Protein backbone atom coordinates (compact mmCIF):
# COMPACT_ATOMS: atom_id res chain seq x y z
CA MET A 1 -23.17 -11.69 2.18
CA ASN A 2 -25.91 -14.18 1.55
CA THR A 3 -25.46 -17.93 1.93
CA LYS A 4 -24.88 -18.49 -1.79
CA GLN A 5 -22.07 -15.91 -1.87
CA LYS A 6 -20.46 -17.46 1.22
CA ILE A 7 -20.58 -20.89 -0.42
CA GLU A 8 -18.97 -19.46 -3.58
CA VAL A 9 -16.07 -18.05 -1.52
CA MET A 10 -15.61 -21.29 0.40
CA GLN A 11 -15.77 -23.37 -2.80
CA ALA A 12 -13.19 -21.09 -4.40
CA TYR A 13 -10.97 -21.72 -1.36
CA LEU A 14 -11.38 -25.49 -1.84
CA ASP A 15 -10.56 -25.07 -5.54
CA GLY A 16 -7.26 -23.38 -4.63
CA GLU A 17 -8.19 -19.83 -5.58
CA ILE A 18 -6.74 -16.93 -3.63
CA ILE A 19 -9.11 -15.64 -0.94
CA GLU A 20 -8.83 -12.28 0.77
CA VAL A 21 -10.08 -11.38 4.25
CA ALA A 22 -10.80 -8.04 5.96
CA VAL A 23 -11.69 -7.55 9.63
CA LYS A 24 -15.00 -5.68 9.93
CA THR A 25 -14.03 -3.64 13.01
CA VAL A 26 -11.36 -1.55 11.30
CA ALA A 27 -12.43 2.09 11.65
CA ALA A 28 -10.50 3.33 8.61
CA GLY A 29 -12.36 0.96 6.30
CA PRO A 30 -11.55 -2.54 5.11
CA ARG A 31 -7.94 -3.53 4.59
CA TRP A 32 -7.77 -6.75 2.62
CA PHE A 33 -5.20 -9.47 3.28
CA THR A 34 -4.52 -12.72 1.49
CA PHE A 35 -6.05 -15.64 3.37
CA ASP A 36 -3.42 -18.11 4.63
CA HIS A 37 -4.00 -21.37 2.71
CA ARG A 38 -1.57 -23.33 4.90
CA ARG A 39 -4.08 -23.50 7.75
CA ASP A 40 -7.57 -24.90 8.03
CA PRO A 41 -9.92 -21.93 7.76
CA VAL A 42 -12.05 -20.66 10.60
CA TRP A 43 -14.79 -18.77 8.78
CA ASP A 44 -15.85 -15.80 10.93
CA TRP A 45 -18.60 -14.22 8.85
CA LYS A 46 -19.68 -11.89 11.68
CA GLY A 47 -16.22 -10.49 12.35
CA ALA A 48 -14.67 -10.54 8.87
CA ASP A 49 -15.48 -10.18 5.19
CA TYR A 50 -14.13 -12.65 2.64
CA ARG A 51 -13.82 -12.39 -1.10
CA ILE A 52 -12.23 -14.14 -4.03
CA ALA A 53 -9.12 -12.15 -4.95
CA LYS A 54 -9.18 -10.33 -8.23
CA THR A 55 -6.54 -11.29 -10.72
CA ASN A 56 -6.52 -7.87 -12.41
CA THR A 57 -7.07 -9.22 -15.90
CA LYS A 58 -8.19 -6.87 -18.64
CA PRO A 59 -11.11 -7.72 -20.88
CA SER A 60 -10.25 -9.73 -23.99
CA ILE A 61 -11.95 -10.76 -27.18
CA ASN A 62 -11.08 -12.75 -30.30
CA TRP A 63 -10.46 -9.83 -32.65
CA ASP A 64 -10.91 -12.13 -35.67
CA HIS A 65 -14.66 -12.07 -34.88
CA VAL A 66 -14.86 -8.27 -34.63
CA SER A 67 -15.40 -5.89 -37.54
CA PRO A 68 -12.16 -4.07 -38.48
CA GLU A 69 -14.01 -0.82 -37.80
CA PHE A 70 -13.62 -1.47 -34.03
CA ASN A 71 -10.12 -1.26 -32.62
CA TYR A 72 -10.51 -0.75 -28.86
CA LEU A 73 -12.21 -2.57 -26.02
CA ALA A 74 -12.85 -1.33 -22.46
CA SER A 75 -15.09 -1.88 -19.43
CA ASN A 76 -17.16 0.92 -17.96
CA MET A 77 -17.93 1.58 -14.31
CA ASN A 78 -21.20 -0.37 -14.67
CA GLN A 79 -19.12 -3.36 -15.87
CA SER A 80 -20.45 -3.24 -19.44
CA VAL A 81 -17.73 -3.98 -21.99
CA ILE A 82 -17.78 -1.81 -25.12
CA LEU A 83 -15.98 -1.89 -28.47
CA TYR A 84 -14.82 1.50 -29.83
CA SER A 85 -13.92 2.60 -33.34
CA CYS A 86 -11.62 5.41 -32.11
CA THR A 87 -9.35 5.62 -29.08
CA PRO A 88 -11.70 6.27 -26.16
CA LYS A 89 -10.95 8.81 -23.45
CA LEU A 90 -11.53 8.25 -19.76
CA SER A 91 -14.25 10.29 -18.08
CA GLU A 92 -15.53 10.20 -14.50
CA ASN A 93 -17.64 7.06 -14.92
CA CYS A 94 -17.04 5.67 -18.41
CA TRP A 95 -14.93 5.60 -21.55
CA TYR A 96 -16.17 7.75 -24.45
CA ASN A 97 -15.17 8.59 -28.01
CA GLY A 98 -16.50 10.47 -30.99
CA GLY A 99 -16.82 7.37 -33.12
CA ARG A 100 -18.97 4.28 -33.20
CA THR A 101 -19.44 1.89 -30.30
CA ARG A 102 -20.85 -1.61 -29.91
CA ASP A 103 -21.76 -3.71 -26.89
CA ALA A 104 -19.09 -6.43 -26.75
CA SER A 105 -21.28 -8.84 -24.78
CA ILE A 106 -22.79 -10.09 -28.06
CA PHE A 107 -19.50 -11.88 -28.80
CA ALA A 108 -19.10 -15.37 -27.32
CA SER A 109 -15.33 -14.88 -27.23
CA LEU A 110 -15.58 -11.93 -24.80
CA THR A 111 -13.89 -12.42 -21.45
CA PRO A 112 -14.86 -9.39 -19.33
CA GLY A 113 -11.80 -9.40 -17.06
CA ASP A 114 -11.79 -8.21 -13.46
CA CYS A 115 -9.40 -5.26 -13.37
CA ASP A 116 -10.46 -1.78 -12.32
CA TRP A 117 -12.52 -0.38 -15.19
CA LYS A 118 -10.19 2.64 -15.45
CA ASP A 119 -7.34 0.24 -16.34
CA SER A 120 -9.35 -1.88 -18.77
CA LEU A 121 -8.55 -0.33 -22.15
CA VAL A 122 -7.09 -2.75 -24.72
CA SER A 123 -6.27 -2.26 -28.37
CA ARG A 124 -6.63 -4.61 -31.31
CA PHE A 125 -3.06 -3.67 -32.27
CA ASN A 126 -1.05 -4.15 -29.08
CA LYS A 127 -3.62 -5.72 -26.72
CA GLU A 128 -3.33 -2.91 -24.17
CA GLU A 129 -3.07 0.85 -24.12
């Protein structure tokens, strides 16, 4: 992590956000734990990784601003958020459909969310698939 990213994590801690920590020496790969907010932190950037915990929110948009032709919204692996006219299907690295698509980032009301992209599909009708 660079200095700016470390500052963002520490500022998030000060703002009361949930921080996760993983010890770098774990051979099986990182195992993330919630940082204990009841103690003063000892930031060990050489021996541990820190991150702001994801809240697992799906993307959202104000559907009143979206053409009625588009009924679905989902994030792809590259974190782009796309509107779909037909129910999209999940492939190895993106959502796809046989209908029209539109980049949702043009809408000011878009909130991209932070859930796994494979769980990101939402519908205009019931807000999630």
